[in-house]
Structures are given as C-alpha cells and as structure tokens.
Amino acid sequence: MKNTSVNLTEDSVLKAISLFALPILISNVFQQLYNTADTMIVGNYFRVSLIY
C-alpha cells in the first residue's frame, strides 16, 4: 500500500502546499462550471419569460 502521508516538518514545502491546494483547485473548477451552467439556464428562462 502506498504511503500518502505528508510530513510537514521534513518534506518539501512545495509538495505540501501542492497537496493541500489540489483539492481546493479541483472543487473551484467544478463550482465555476456549475455557476456558469446555472447562469445560462436561468438566463434563458428569464429571457423567455420577459418576452411573453
């Protein structure tokens, strides 16, 4: 089994920061995609409802 722990006192600082930042970056990308899709859907709905 692979050891996935990071020793913050002995390992590289860049490695530690990268491992902490990666999940945050991934979640931010998914959140931005959701917000974009939501804006497009709501924008289409309101554009149609304003015409009628």
C-alpha atoms as a PDB file:
ATOM      1  CA  MET A   1       0.000   0.000   0.000  1.00  0.00           C
ATOM      2  CA  LYS A   2       1.322   3.429  -0.930  1.00  0.00           C
ATOM      3  CA  ASN A   3       2.152   5.856   1.853  1.00  0.00           C
ATOM      4  CA  THR A   4       0.116   9.031   1.232  1.00  0.00           C
ATOM      5  CA  SER A   5       1.033  10.971   4.365  1.00  0.00           C
ATOM      6  CA  VAL A   6       2.995  14.205   4.180  1.00  0.00           C
ATOM      7  CA  ASN A   7       5.398  15.143   6.931  1.00  0.00           C
ATOM      8  CA  LEU A   8       5.184  18.929   7.058  1.00  0.00           C
ATOM      9  CA  THR A   9       8.377  19.253   9.095  1.00  0.00           C
ATOM     10  CA  GLU A  10      10.623  17.187   6.829  1.00  0.00           C
ATOM     11  CA  ASP A  11       9.141  17.083   3.328  1.00  0.00           C
ATOM     12  CA  SER A  12       9.365  19.749   0.655  1.00  0.00           C
ATOM     13  CA  VAL A  13       7.264  22.843   1.283  1.00  0.00           C
ATOM     14  CA  LEU A  14       6.203  22.954  -2.358  1.00  0.00           C
ATOM     15  CA  LYS A  15       4.968  19.357  -2.177  1.00  0.00           C
ATOM     16  CA  ALA A  16       2.962  20.047   0.974  1.00  0.00           C
ATOM     17  CA  ILE A  17       1.365  23.193  -0.434  1.00  0.00           C
ATOM     18  CA  SER A  18       0.572  21.429  -3.711  1.00  0.00           C
ATOM     19  CA  LEU A  19      -1.116  18.522  -1.965  1.00  0.00           C
ATOM     20  CA  PHE A  20      -3.226  20.878   0.110  1.00  0.00           C
ATOM     21  CA  ALA A  21      -4.101  23.148  -2.832  1.00  0.00           C
ATOM     22  CA  LEU A  22      -5.021  20.457  -5.370  1.00  0.00           C
ATOM     23  CA  PRO A  23      -8.438  19.509  -3.892  1.00  0.00           C
ATOM     24  CA  ILE A  24      -9.305  23.185  -3.477  1.00  0.00           C
ATOM     25  CA  LEU A  25      -8.441  23.929  -7.103  1.00  0.00           C
ATOM     26  CA  ILE A  26     -10.475  20.980  -8.354  1.00  0.00           C
ATOM     27  CA  SER A  27     -13.510  21.967  -6.290  1.00  0.00           C
ATOM     28  CA  ASN A  28     -13.235  25.576  -7.513  1.00  0.00           C
ATOM     29  CA  VAL A  29     -13.265  24.406 -11.145  1.00  0.00           C
ATOM     30  CA  PHE A  30     -16.404  22.324 -10.551  1.00  0.00           C
ATOM     31  CA  GLN A  31     -18.062  25.198  -8.693  1.00  0.00           C
ATOM     32  CA  GLN A  32     -17.304  27.589 -11.559  1.00  0.00           C
ATOM     33  CA  LEU A  33     -18.724  25.117 -14.097  1.00  0.00           C
ATOM     34  CA  TYR A  34     -21.892  24.757 -12.014  1.00  0.00           C
ATOM     35  CA  ASN A  35     -22.277  28.528 -11.699  1.00  0.00           C
ATOM     36  CA  THR A  36     -21.795  29.007 -15.442  1.00  0.00           C
ATOM     37  CA  ALA A  37     -24.382  26.364 -16.302  1.00  0.00           C
ATOM     38  CA  ASP A  38     -26.798  27.780 -13.724  1.00  0.00           C
ATOM     39  CA  THR A  39     -26.404  31.284 -15.131  1.00  0.00           C
ATOM     40  CA  MET A  40     -27.048  30.046 -18.648  1.00  0.00           C
ATOM     41  CA  ILE A  41     -30.178  28.138 -17.615  1.00  0.00           C
ATOM     42  CA  VAL A  42     -31.615  30.952 -15.504  1.00  0.00           C
ATOM     43  CA  GLY A  43     -30.712  33.499 -18.177  1.00  0.00           C
ATOM     44  CA  ASN A  44     -32.587  31.509 -20.798  1.00  0.00           C
ATOM     45  CA  TYR A  45     -35.620  31.173 -18.532  1.00  0.00           C
ATOM     46  CA  PHE A  46     -35.828  34.881 -17.736  1.00  0.00           C
ATOM     47  CA  ARG A  47     -35.199  35.917 -21.327  1.00  0.00           C
ATOM     48  CA  VAL A  48     -38.147  33.779 -22.452  1.00  0.00           C
ATOM     49  CA  SER A  49     -40.401  34.940 -19.605  1.00  0.00           C
ATOM     50  CA  LEU A  50     -39.683  38.619 -20.338  1.00  0.00           C
ATOM     51  CA  ILE A  51     -40.723  38.249 -23.975  1.00  0.00           C
ATOM     52  CA  TYR A  52     -44.174  36.938 -23.064  1.00  0.00           C
END
